[in-house]
Amino acid sequence: MDGLVETLKGIAADVQADVIADMVKEGAKPIVRSIRARVRVQDGNLKKSIVAVVRKRKRKGTAIAVIGPESGGQYKGGKRLKKGHGQNDAAGPSRYAHLIEFGHVDRKGGRVKEFPFMRPGTAEGQATASAMMEVGFQKGMNRVLAKRTKKLLRQK
């Protein structure tokens, strides 16, 4: 991993952001898989909504992955609904995921036990994530190289 850091330092910031975004995207996949494996399934809405969104900062040459339930997504029966299609009785898993993760007070005054899935899933997937980031580095470099080559050929 240290060699990758040295290689990235010699690249322009916008190219660096693209390569790092591919690295982060590949590194997030095993974490998402391990989190999904730990979710308690009632109807599958929460499990399906766990995603990784990669955000690039081209000027800084960095990228981050935000992993968790998709905000704004509506699910019913474990399937994502299109906007405006039967969303009245659909569930937005991002609105209740924290209640499952940390537990909550019951309506009757009791306590509902927590069932953590994000924290243990993240810890479990981190070892695989670093190996996958190296694969992402190769994919990112190949993609950027192809993109730059295509751009140069178009200019001629």
Foldseek 3Di string as FASTA:
>chain_A
DVVVVVVLVPDQLQLLQLLQLLLQQQLCVQLLVLLLVQDDDDQQQQSLQWDWDKDTDSVRSHIHIDTGGHAPWWDDSNDTDDPPPPRPPTDRNVVCVVCQQCWAADPVGHTGHHRHRNVVSNVVSNVVSVVSSVVSNVVSVVVVVVVVVVVVVVVD
